[in-house]
mmCIF file of all heavy atoms, coordinates in Angstrom:
data_MODEL
# 
_entry.id   MODEL 
# 
loop_
_atom_site.group_PDB 
_atom_site.id 
_atom_site.type_symbol 
_atom_site.label_atom_id 
_atom_site.label_alt_id 
_atom_site.label_comp_id 
_atom_site.label_asym_id 
_atom_site.label_entity_id 
_atom_site.label_seq_id 
_atom_site.pdbx_PDB_ins_code 
_atom_site.Cartn_x 
_atom_site.Cartn_y 
_atom_site.Cartn_z 
_atom_site.occupancy 
_atom_site.B_iso_or_equiv 
_atom_site.pdbx_formal_charge 
_atom_site.auth_seq_id 
_atom_site.auth_comp_id 
_atom_site.auth_asym_id 
_atom_site.auth_atom_id 
_atom_site.pdbx_PDB_model_num 
ATOM 1   N N   . ASP A 1 1  ? 19.955 4.536  -6.341  1.00 0.00 ? 1  ASP A N   1 
ATOM 2   C CA  . ASP A 1 1  ? 19.684 3.084  -6.435  1.00 0.00 ? 1  ASP A CA  1 
ATOM 3   C C   . ASP A 1 1  ? 18.239 2.739  -6.572  1.00 0.00 ? 1  ASP A C   1 
ATOM 4   O O   . ASP A 1 1  ? 17.891 1.831  -7.264  1.00 0.00 ? 1  ASP A O   1 
ATOM 5   C CB  . ASP A 1 1  ? 20.248 2.392  -5.151  1.00 0.00 ? 1  ASP A CB  1 
ATOM 6   C CG  . ASP A 1 1  ? 21.723 2.234  -5.177  1.00 0.00 ? 1  ASP A CG  1 
ATOM 7   O OD1 . ASP A 1 1  ? 22.304 2.398  -6.281  1.00 0.00 ? 1  ASP A OD1 1 
ATOM 8   O OD2 . ASP A 1 1  ? 22.357 1.870  -4.150  1.00 0.00 ? 1  ASP A OD2 1 
ATOM 9   N N   . ARG A 1 2  ? 17.349 3.518  -5.927  1.00 0.00 ? 2  ARG A N   1 
ATOM 10  C CA  . ARG A 1 2  ? 15.975 3.107  -5.804  1.00 0.00 ? 2  ARG A CA  1 
ATOM 11  C C   . ARG A 1 2  ? 14.939 3.827  -6.734  1.00 0.00 ? 2  ARG A C   1 
ATOM 12  O O   . ARG A 1 2  ? 13.947 3.309  -7.070  1.00 0.00 ? 2  ARG A O   1 
ATOM 13  C CB  . ARG A 1 2  ? 15.486 3.211  -4.378  1.00 0.00 ? 2  ARG A CB  1 
ATOM 14  C CG  . ARG A 1 2  ? 16.264 2.329  -3.403  1.00 0.00 ? 2  ARG A CG  1 
ATOM 15  C CD  . ARG A 1 2  ? 15.327 1.462  -2.535  1.00 0.00 ? 2  ARG A CD  1 
ATOM 16  N NE  . ARG A 1 2  ? 14.371 0.727  -3.317  1.00 0.00 ? 2  ARG A NE  1 
ATOM 17  C CZ  . ARG A 1 2  ? 13.234 0.268  -2.811  1.00 0.00 ? 2  ARG A CZ  1 
ATOM 18  N NH1 . ARG A 1 2  ? 12.917 0.487  -1.584  1.00 0.00 ? 2  ARG A NH1 1 
ATOM 19  N NH2 . ARG A 1 2  ? 12.431 -0.446 -3.575  1.00 0.00 ? 2  ARG A NH2 1 
ATOM 20  N N   . LEU A 1 3  ? 15.272 5.083  -7.079  1.00 0.00 ? 3  LEU A N   1 
ATOM 21  C CA  . LEU A 1 3  ? 14.322 5.844  -7.899  1.00 0.00 ? 3  LEU A CA  1 
ATOM 22  C C   . LEU A 1 3  ? 14.654 5.654  -9.406  1.00 0.00 ? 3  LEU A C   1 
ATOM 23  O O   . LEU A 1 3  ? 15.771 5.781  -9.828  1.00 0.00 ? 3  LEU A O   1 
ATOM 24  C CB  . LEU A 1 3  ? 14.371 7.308  -7.525  1.00 0.00 ? 3  LEU A CB  1 
ATOM 25  C CG  . LEU A 1 3  ? 14.032 7.679  -6.059  1.00 0.00 ? 3  LEU A CG  1 
ATOM 26  C CD1 . LEU A 1 3  ? 14.146 9.191  -5.873  1.00 0.00 ? 3  LEU A CD1 1 
ATOM 27  C CD2 . LEU A 1 3  ? 12.667 7.136  -5.678  1.00 0.00 ? 3  LEU A CD2 1 
ATOM 28  N N   . ARG A 1 4  ? 13.590 5.379  -10.192 1.00 0.00 ? 4  ARG A N   1 
ATOM 29  C CA  . ARG A 1 4  ? 13.733 5.234  -11.630 1.00 0.00 ? 4  ARG A CA  1 
ATOM 30  C C   . ARG A 1 4  ? 12.707 6.063  -12.368 1.00 0.00 ? 4  ARG A C   1 
ATOM 31  O O   . ARG A 1 4  ? 11.542 6.054  -11.996 1.00 0.00 ? 4  ARG A O   1 
ATOM 32  C CB  . ARG A 1 4  ? 13.559 3.755  -12.053 1.00 0.00 ? 4  ARG A CB  1 
ATOM 33  C CG  . ARG A 1 4  ? 14.637 2.810  -11.627 1.00 0.00 ? 4  ARG A CG  1 
ATOM 34  C CD  . ARG A 1 4  ? 15.927 3.113  -12.373 1.00 0.00 ? 4  ARG A CD  1 
ATOM 35  N NE  . ARG A 1 4  ? 16.984 2.134  -11.980 1.00 0.00 ? 4  ARG A NE  1 
ATOM 36  C CZ  . ARG A 1 4  ? 17.780 2.289  -10.918 1.00 0.00 ? 4  ARG A CZ  1 
ATOM 37  N NH1 . ARG A 1 4  ? 17.613 3.374  -10.193 1.00 0.00 ? 4  ARG A NH1 1 
ATOM 38  N NH2 . ARG A 1 4  ? 18.678 1.387  -10.608 1.00 0.00 ? 4  ARG A NH2 1 
ATOM 39  N N   . ALA A 1 5  ? 13.132 6.814  -13.357 1.00 0.00 ? 5  ALA A N   1 
ATOM 40  C CA  . ALA A 1 5  ? 12.275 7.578  -14.227 1.00 0.00 ? 5  ALA A CA  1 
ATOM 41  C C   . ALA A 1 5  ? 11.872 6.737  -15.436 1.00 0.00 ? 5  ALA A C   1 
ATOM 42  O O   . ALA A 1 5  ? 12.728 6.303  -16.173 1.00 0.00 ? 5  ALA A O   1 
ATOM 43  C CB  . ALA A 1 5  ? 12.944 8.851  -14.713 1.00 0.00 ? 5  ALA A CB  1 
ATOM 44  N N   . VAL A 1 6  ? 10.566 6.453  -15.549 1.00 0.00 ? 6  VAL A N   1 
ATOM 45  C CA  . VAL A 1 6  ? 10.127 5.569  -16.649 1.00 0.00 ? 6  VAL A CA  1 
ATOM 46  C C   . VAL A 1 6  ? 9.054  6.267  -17.485 1.00 0.00 ? 6  VAL A C   1 
ATOM 47  O O   . VAL A 1 6  ? 8.395  5.631  -18.340 1.00 0.00 ? 6  VAL A O   1 
ATOM 48  C CB  . VAL A 1 6  ? 9.540  4.235  -16.085 1.00 0.00 ? 6  VAL A CB  1 
ATOM 49  C CG1 . VAL A 1 6  ? 10.638 3.460  -15.411 1.00 0.00 ? 6  VAL A CG1 1 
ATOM 50  C CG2 . VAL A 1 6  ? 8.366  4.471  -15.116 1.00 0.00 ? 6  VAL A CG2 1 
ATOM 51  N N   . GLY A 1 7  ? 8.852  7.577  -17.291 1.00 0.00 ? 7  GLY A N   1 
ATOM 52  C CA  . GLY A 1 7  ? 7.799  8.291  -18.010 1.00 0.00 ? 7  GLY A CA  1 
ATOM 53  C C   . GLY A 1 7  ? 8.399  9.158  -19.115 1.00 0.00 ? 7  GLY A C   1 
ATOM 54  O O   . GLY A 1 7  ? 9.591  9.151  -19.446 1.00 0.00 ? 7  GLY A O   1 
ATOM 55  N N   . GLN A 1 8  ? 7.545  9.968  -19.703 1.00 0.00 ? 8  GLN A N   1 
ATOM 56  C CA  . GLN A 1 8  ? 7.936  10.872 -20.806 1.00 0.00 ? 8  GLN A CA  1 
ATOM 57  C C   . GLN A 1 8  ? 7.951  12.356 -20.431 1.00 0.00 ? 8  GLN A C   1 
ATOM 58  O O   . GLN A 1 8  ? 8.590  13.160 -21.139 1.00 0.00 ? 8  GLN A O   1 
ATOM 59  C CB  . GLN A 1 8  ? 6.937  10.687 -21.985 1.00 0.00 ? 8  GLN A CB  1 
ATOM 60  C CG  . GLN A 1 8  ? 6.878  9.286  -22.513 1.00 0.00 ? 8  GLN A CG  1 
ATOM 61  C CD  . GLN A 1 8  ? 8.202  8.797  -23.107 1.00 0.00 ? 8  GLN A CD  1 
ATOM 62  O OE1 . GLN A 1 8  ? 8.868  9.595  -23.806 1.00 0.00 ? 8  GLN A OE1 1 
ATOM 63  N NE2 . GLN A 1 8  ? 8.552  7.598  -22.822 1.00 0.00 ? 8  GLN A NE2 1 
ATOM 64  N N   . ASN A 1 9  ? 7.285  12.705 -19.340 1.00 0.00 ? 9  ASN A N   1 
ATOM 65  C CA  . ASN A 1 9  ? 7.173  14.105 -18.927 1.00 0.00 ? 9  ASN A CA  1 
ATOM 66  C C   . ASN A 1 9  ? 7.360  14.215 -17.444 1.00 0.00 ? 9  ASN A C   1 
ATOM 67  O O   . ASN A 1 9  ? 7.163  13.281 -16.687 1.00 0.00 ? 9  ASN A O   1 
ATOM 68  C CB  . ASN A 1 9  ? 5.781  14.653 -19.325 1.00 0.00 ? 9  ASN A CB  1 
ATOM 69  C CG  . ASN A 1 9  ? 5.464  14.554 -20.816 1.00 0.00 ? 9  ASN A CG  1 
ATOM 70  O OD1 . ASN A 1 9  ? 6.136  15.231 -21.572 1.00 0.00 ? 9  ASN A OD1 1 
ATOM 71  N ND2 . ASN A 1 9  ? 4.523  13.680 -21.142 1.00 0.00 ? 9  ASN A ND2 1 
ATOM 72  N N   . GLY A 1 10 ? 7.714  15.432 -17.028 1.00 0.00 ? 10 GLY A N   1 
ATOM 73  C CA  . GLY A 1 10 ? 7.779  15.770 -15.602 1.00 0.00 ? 10 GLY A CA  1 
ATOM 74  C C   . GLY A 1 10 ? 9.110  15.405 -14.987 1.00 0.00 ? 10 GLY A C   1 
ATOM 75  O O   . GLY A 1 10 ? 10.011 14.743 -15.563 1.00 0.00 ? 10 GLY A O   1 
ATOM 76  N N   . VAL A 1 11 ? 9.264  15.843 -13.715 1.00 0.00 ? 11 VAL A N   1 
ATOM 77  C CA  . VAL A 1 11 ? 10.501 15.650 -12.959 1.00 0.00 ? 11 VAL A CA  1 
ATOM 78  C C   . VAL A 1 11 ? 10.150 15.166 -11.558 1.00 0.00 ? 11 VAL A C   1 
ATOM 79  O O   . VAL A 1 11 ? 9.210  15.659 -10.926 1.00 0.00 ? 11 VAL A O   1 
ATOM 80  C CB  . VAL A 1 11 ? 11.310 16.990 -12.867 1.00 0.00 ? 11 VAL A CB  1 
ATOM 81  C CG1 . VAL A 1 11 ? 12.488 16.870 -11.955 1.00 0.00 ? 11 VAL A CG1 1 
ATOM 82  C CG2 . VAL A 1 11 ? 11.748 17.373 -14.274 1.00 0.00 ? 11 VAL A CG2 1 
ATOM 83  N N   . ALA A 1 12 ? 11.001 14.268 -11.043 1.00 0.00 ? 12 ALA A N   1 
ATOM 84  C CA  . ALA A 1 12 ? 10.942 13.894 -9.613  1.00 0.00 ? 12 ALA A CA  1 
ATOM 85  C C   . ALA A 1 12 ? 12.139 14.540 -8.920  1.00 0.00 ? 12 ALA A C   1 
ATOM 86  O O   . ALA A 1 12 ? 13.293 14.241 -9.267  1.00 0.00 ? 12 ALA A O   1 
ATOM 87  C CB  . ALA A 1 12 ? 10.954 12.412 -9.393  1.00 0.00 ? 12 ALA A CB  1 
ATOM 88  N N   . ARG A 1 13 ? 11.878 15.508 -8.036  1.00 0.00 ? 13 ARG A N   1 
ATOM 89  C CA  . ARG A 1 13 ? 12.964 16.272 -7.354  1.00 0.00 ? 13 ARG A CA  1 
ATOM 90  C C   . ARG A 1 13 ? 13.119 15.755 -5.954  1.00 0.00 ? 13 ARG A C   1 
ATOM 91  O O   . ARG A 1 13 ? 12.217 15.845 -5.143  1.00 0.00 ? 13 ARG A O   1 
ATOM 92  C CB  . ARG A 1 13 ? 12.628 17.760 -7.385  1.00 0.00 ? 13 ARG A CB  1 
ATOM 93  C CG  . ARG A 1 13 ? 13.799 18.582 -6.782  1.00 0.00 ? 13 ARG A CG  1 
ATOM 94  C CD  . ARG A 1 13 ? 13.529 20.054 -6.959  1.00 0.00 ? 13 ARG A CD  1 
ATOM 95  N NE  . ARG A 1 13 ? 12.288 20.404 -6.234  1.00 0.00 ? 13 ARG A NE  1 
ATOM 96  C CZ  . ARG A 1 13 ? 11.528 21.523 -6.522  1.00 0.00 ? 13 ARG A CZ  1 
ATOM 97  N NH1 . ARG A 1 13 ? 11.892 22.312 -7.533  1.00 0.00 ? 13 ARG A NH1 1 
ATOM 98  N NH2 . ARG A 1 13 ? 10.447 21.783 -5.851  1.00 0.00 ? 13 ARG A NH2 1 
ATOM 99  N N   . PHE A 1 14 ? 14.292 15.177 -5.676  1.00 0.00 ? 14 PHE A N   1 
ATOM 100 C CA  . PHE A 1 14 ? 14.657 14.587 -4.372  1.00 0.00 ? 14 PHE A CA  1 
ATOM 101 C C   . PHE A 1 14 ? 15.566 15.600 -3.656  1.00 0.00 ? 14 PHE A C   1 
ATOM 102 O O   . PHE A 1 14 ? 16.711 15.816 -4.032  1.00 0.00 ? 14 PHE A O   1 
ATOM 103 C CB  . PHE A 1 14 ? 15.386 13.278 -4.640  1.00 0.00 ? 14 PHE A CB  1 
ATOM 104 C CG  . PHE A 1 14 ? 15.698 12.486 -3.401  1.00 0.00 ? 14 PHE A CG  1 
ATOM 105 C CD1 . PHE A 1 14 ? 14.788 11.546 -2.874  1.00 0.00 ? 14 PHE A CD1 1 
ATOM 106 C CD2 . PHE A 1 14 ? 16.926 12.614 -2.773  1.00 0.00 ? 14 PHE A CD2 1 
ATOM 107 C CE1 . PHE A 1 14 ? 15.109 10.794 -1.733  1.00 0.00 ? 14 PHE A CE1 1 
ATOM 108 C CE2 . PHE A 1 14 ? 17.276 11.876 -1.671  1.00 0.00 ? 14 PHE A CE2 1 
ATOM 109 C CZ  . PHE A 1 14 ? 16.358 10.949 -1.154  1.00 0.00 ? 14 PHE A CZ  1 
ATOM 110 N N   . THR A 1 15 ? 14.981 16.245 -2.623  1.00 0.00 ? 15 THR A N   1 
ATOM 111 C CA  . THR A 1 15 ? 15.731 17.304 -1.906  1.00 0.00 ? 15 THR A CA  1 
ATOM 112 C C   . THR A 1 15 ? 16.128 16.907 -0.510  1.00 0.00 ? 15 THR A C   1 
ATOM 113 O O   . THR A 1 15 ? 15.248 16.524 0.324   1.00 0.00 ? 15 THR A O   1 
ATOM 114 C CB  . THR A 1 15 ? 14.897 18.630 -1.884  1.00 0.00 ? 15 THR A CB  1 
ATOM 115 O OG1 . THR A 1 15 ? 14.434 18.943 -3.162  1.00 0.00 ? 15 THR A OG1 1 
ATOM 116 C CG2 . THR A 1 15 ? 15.677 19.753 -1.285  1.00 0.00 ? 15 THR A CG2 1 
ATOM 117 N N   . ILE A 1 16 ? 17.408 16.981 -0.190  1.00 0.00 ? 16 ILE A N   1 
ATOM 118 C CA  . ILE A 1 16 ? 17.898 16.696 1.102   1.00 0.00 ? 16 ILE A CA  1 
ATOM 119 C C   . ILE A 1 16 ? 17.978 17.989 1.925   1.00 0.00 ? 16 ILE A C   1 
ATOM 120 O O   . ILE A 1 16 ? 18.759 18.871 1.590   1.00 0.00 ? 16 ILE A O   1 
ATOM 121 C CB  . ILE A 1 16 ? 19.309 16.022 1.055   1.00 0.00 ? 16 ILE A CB  1 
ATOM 122 C CG1 . ILE A 1 16 ? 19.231 14.761 0.203   1.00 0.00 ? 16 ILE A CG1 1 
ATOM 123 C CG2 . ILE A 1 16 ? 19.834 15.738 2.466   1.00 0.00 ? 16 ILE A CG2 1 
ATOM 124 C CD1 . ILE A 1 16 ? 20.598 14.181 -0.125  1.00 0.00 ? 16 ILE A CD1 1 
ATOM 125 N N   . HIS A 1 17 ? 17.158 18.114 2.944   1.00 0.00 ? 17 HIS A N   1 
ATOM 126 C CA  . HIS A 1 17 ? 17.125 19.328 3.792   1.00 0.00 ? 17 HIS A CA  1 
ATOM 127 C C   . HIS A 1 17 ? 18.072 19.238 4.943   1.00 0.00 ? 17 HIS A C   1 
ATOM 128 O O   . HIS A 1 17 ? 18.694 20.212 5.336   1.00 0.00 ? 17 HIS A O   1 
ATOM 129 C CB  . HIS A 1 17 ? 15.718 19.574 4.295   1.00 0.00 ? 17 HIS A CB  1 
ATOM 130 C CG  . HIS A 1 17 ? 14.704 19.698 3.216   1.00 0.00 ? 17 HIS A CG  1 
ATOM 131 N ND1 . HIS A 1 17 ? 14.644 20.751 2.318   1.00 0.00 ? 17 HIS A ND1 1 
ATOM 132 C CD2 . HIS A 1 17 ? 13.637 18.900 2.913   1.00 0.00 ? 17 HIS A CD2 1 
ATOM 133 C CE1 . HIS A 1 17 ? 13.614 20.606 1.499   1.00 0.00 ? 17 HIS A CE1 1 
ATOM 134 N NE2 . HIS A 1 17 ? 12.991 19.461 1.799   1.00 0.00 ? 17 HIS A NE2 1 
ATOM 135 N N   . ASN A 1 18 ? 18.202 18.050 5.520   1.00 0.00 ? 18 ASN A N   1 
ATOM 136 C CA  . ASN A 1 18 ? 18.993 17.858 6.719   1.00 0.00 ? 18 ASN A CA  1 
ATOM 137 C C   . ASN A 1 18 ? 19.633 16.463 6.668   1.00 0.00 ? 18 ASN A C   1 
ATOM 138 O O   . ASN A 1 18 ? 18.980 15.494 6.260   1.00 0.00 ? 18 ASN A O   1 
ATOM 139 C CB  . ASN A 1 18 ? 18.187 18.027 7.977   1.00 0.00 ? 18 ASN A CB  1 
ATOM 140 C CG  . ASN A 1 18 ? 19.007 18.088 9.255   1.00 0.00 ? 18 ASN A CG  1 
ATOM 141 O OD1 . ASN A 1 18 ? 20.254 18.100 9.213   1.00 0.00 ? 18 ASN A OD1 1 
ATOM 142 N ND2 . ASN A 1 18 ? 18.325 18.139 10.386  1.00 0.00 ? 18 ASN A ND2 1 
ATOM 143 N N   . ALA A 1 19 ? 20.914 16.378 7.016   1.00 0.00 ? 19 ALA A N   1 
ATOM 144 C CA  . ALA A 1 19 ? 21.594 15.078 7.125   1.00 0.00 ? 19 ALA A CA  1 
ATOM 145 C C   . ALA A 1 19 ? 22.733 15.229 8.164   1.00 0.00 ? 19 ALA A C   1 
ATOM 146 O O   . ALA A 1 19 ? 23.901 15.001 7.902   1.00 0.00 ? 19 ALA A O   1 
ATOM 147 C CB  . ALA A 1 19 ? 22.196 14.703 5.767   1.00 0.00 ? 19 ALA A CB  1 
ATOM 148 N N   . SER A 1 20 ? 22.295 15.631 9.363   1.00 0.00 ? 20 SER A N   1 
ATOM 149 C CA  . SER A 1 20 ? 23.297 16.059 10.382  1.00 0.00 ? 20 SER A CA  1 
ATOM 150 C C   . SER A 1 20 ? 23.432 14.968 11.439  1.00 0.00 ? 20 SER A C   1 
ATOM 151 O O   . SER A 1 20 ? 22.568 14.115 11.665  1.00 0.00 ? 20 SER A O   1 
ATOM 152 C CB  . SER A 1 20 ? 22.803 17.312 11.000  1.00 0.00 ? 20 SER A CB  1 
ATOM 153 O OG  . SER A 1 20 ? 21.557 17.134 11.692  1.00 0.00 ? 20 SER A OG  1 
ATOM 154 N N   . VAL A 1 21 ? 24.581 15.025 12.099  1.00 0.00 ? 21 VAL A N   1 
ATOM 155 C CA  . VAL A 1 21 ? 24.865 14.233 13.271  1.00 0.00 ? 21 VAL A CA  1 
ATOM 156 C C   . VAL A 1 21 ? 25.522 15.199 14.291  1.00 0.00 ? 21 VAL A C   1 
ATOM 157 O O   . VAL A 1 21 ? 26.501 15.848 14.019  1.00 0.00 ? 21 VAL A O   1 
ATOM 158 C CB  . VAL A 1 21 ? 25.832 13.071 13.026  1.00 0.00 ? 21 VAL A CB  1 
ATOM 159 C CG1 . VAL A 1 21 ? 25.967 12.234 14.245  1.00 0.00 ? 21 VAL A CG1 1 
ATOM 160 C CG2 . VAL A 1 21 ? 25.332 12.200 11.882  1.00 0.00 ? 21 VAL A CG2 1 
ATOM 161 N N   . THR A 1 22 ? 24.980 15.211 15.549  1.00 0.00 ? 22 THR A N   1 
ATOM 162 C CA  . THR A 1 22 ? 25.542 16.050 16.578  1.00 0.00 ? 22 THR A CA  1 
ATOM 163 C C   . THR A 1 22 ? 26.044 15.141 17.700  1.00 0.00 ? 22 THR A C   1 
ATOM 164 O O   . THR A 1 22 ? 25.523 14.069 17.963  1.00 0.00 ? 22 THR A O   1 
ATOM 165 C CB  . THR A 1 22 ? 24.529 17.021 17.138  1.00 0.00 ? 22 THR A CB  1 
ATOM 166 O OG1 . THR A 1 22 ? 23.396 16.320 17.617  1.00 0.00 ? 22 THR A OG1 1 
ATOM 167 C CG2 . THR A 1 22 ? 24.096 17.979 16.063  1.00 0.00 ? 22 THR A CG2 1 
ATOM 168 N N   . GLN A 1 23 ? 27.103 15.601 18.362  1.00 0.00 ? 23 GLN A N   1 
ATOM 169 C CA  . GLN A 1 23 ? 27.715 14.882 19.493  1.00 0.00 ? 23 GLN A CA  1 
ATOM 170 C C   . GLN A 1 23 ? 27.427 15.655 20.790  1.00 0.00 ? 23 GLN A C   1 
ATOM 171 O O   . GLN A 1 23 ? 27.634 16.851 20.877  1.00 0.00 ? 23 GLN A O   1 
ATOM 172 C CB  . GLN A 1 23 ? 29.218 14.720 19.302  1.00 0.00 ? 23 GLN A CB  1 
ATOM 173 C CG  . GLN A 1 23 ? 29.918 14.116 20.527  1.00 0.00 ? 23 GLN A CG  1 
ATOM 174 C CD  . GLN A 1 23 ? 31.422 14.014 20.307  1.00 0.00 ? 23 GLN A CD  1 
ATOM 175 O OE1 . GLN A 1 23 ? 31.874 13.506 19.275  1.00 0.00 ? 23 GLN A OE1 1 
ATOM 176 N NE2 . GLN A 1 23 ? 32.170 14.464 21.288  1.00 0.00 ? 23 GLN A NE2 1 
ATOM 177 N N   . THR A 1 24 ? 26.963 14.941 21.789  1.00 0.00 ? 24 THR A N   1 
ATOM 178 C CA  . THR A 1 24 ? 26.724 15.490 23.108  1.00 0.00 ? 24 THR A CA  1 
ATOM 179 C C   . THR A 1 24 ? 27.583 14.737 24.117  1.00 0.00 ? 24 THR A C   1 
ATOM 180 O O   . THR A 1 24 ? 27.485 13.503 24.239  1.00 0.00 ? 24 THR A O   1 
ATOM 181 C CB  . THR A 1 24 ? 25.248 15.392 23.567  1.00 0.00 ? 24 THR A CB  1 
ATOM 182 O OG1 . THR A 1 24 ? 24.454 16.092 22.558  1.00 0.00 ? 24 THR A OG1 1 
ATOM 183 C CG2 . THR A 1 24 ? 24.995 15.954 24.927  1.00 0.00 ? 24 THR A CG2 1 
ATOM 184 N N   . ASP A 1 25 ? 28.480 15.452 24.809  1.00 0.00 ? 25 ASP A N   1 
ATOM 185 C CA  . ASP A 1 25 ? 29.326 14.805 25.830  1.00 0.00 ? 25 ASP A CA  1 
ATOM 186 C C   . ASP A 1 25 ? 28.466 14.567 27.091  1.00 0.00 ? 25 ASP A C   1 
ATOM 187 O O   . ASP A 1 25 ? 27.751 15.420 27.588  1.00 0.00 ? 25 ASP A O   1 
ATOM 188 C CB  . ASP A 1 25 ? 30.493 15.687 26.191  1.00 0.00 ? 25 ASP A CB  1 
ATOM 189 C CG  . ASP A 1 25 ? 31.427 15.912 25.006  1.00 0.00 ? 25 ASP A CG  1 
ATOM 190 O OD1 . ASP A 1 25 ? 31.540 14.968 24.209  1.00 0.00 ? 25 ASP A OD1 1 
ATOM 191 O OD2 . ASP A 1 25 ? 32.117 16.945 24.938  1.00 0.00 ? 25 ASP A OD2 1 
ATOM 192 N N   . LEU A 1 26 ? 28.591 13.334 27.575  1.00 0.00 ? 26 LEU A N   1 
ATOM 193 C CA  . LEU A 1 26 ? 27.765 12.916 28.733  1.00 0.00 ? 26 LEU A CA  1 
ATOM 194 C C   . LEU A 1 26 ? 28.579 13.044 30.035  1.00 0.00 ? 26 LEU A C   1 
ATOM 195 O O   . LEU A 1 26 ? 29.798 12.987 30.028  1.00 0.00 ? 26 LEU A O   1 
ATOM 196 C CB  . LEU A 1 26 ? 27.315 11.466 28.562  1.00 0.00 ? 26 LEU A CB  1 
ATOM 197 C CG  . LEU A 1 26 ? 26.530 11.204 27.266  1.00 0.00 ? 26 LEU A CG  1 
ATOM 198 C CD1 . LEU A 1 26 ? 26.165 9.708  27.208  1.00 0.00 ? 26 LEU A CD1 1 
ATOM 199 C CD2 . LEU A 1 26 ? 25.228 12.018 27.251  1.00 0.00 ? 26 LEU A CD2 1 
ATOM 200 N N   . LYS A 1 27 ? 27.858 13.228 31.124  1.00 0.00 ? 27 LYS A N   1 
ATOM 201 C CA  . LYS A 1 27 ? 28.515 13.382 32.429  1.00 0.00 ? 27 LYS A CA  1 
ATOM 202 C C   . LYS A 1 27 ? 29.194 12.040 32.819  1.00 0.00 ? 27 LYS A C   1 
ATOM 203 O O   . LYS A 1 27 ? 28.631 10.976 32.685  1.00 0.00 ? 27 LYS A O   1 
ATOM 204 C CB  . LYS A 1 27 ? 27.490 13.739 33.478  1.00 0.00 ? 27 LYS A CB  1 
ATOM 205 C CG  . LYS A 1 27 ? 28.065 14.000 34.844  1.00 0.00 ? 27 LYS A CG  1 
ATOM 206 C CD  . LYS A 1 27 ? 26.986 14.422 35.839  1.00 0.00 ? 27 LYS A CD  1 
ATOM 207 C CE  . LYS A 1 27 ? 27.618 14.764 37.189  1.00 0.00 ? 27 LYS A CE  1 
ATOM 208 N NZ  . LYS A 1 27 ? 26.558 15.174 38.209  1.00 0.00 ? 27 LYS A NZ  1 
# 
């Protein structure tokens, strides 16, 4: 939605390293 390529050369590389959700049970 937000990134737009408007040039003639090169690359914009968008890398997702982490997208985690962890659950911890509480006392």
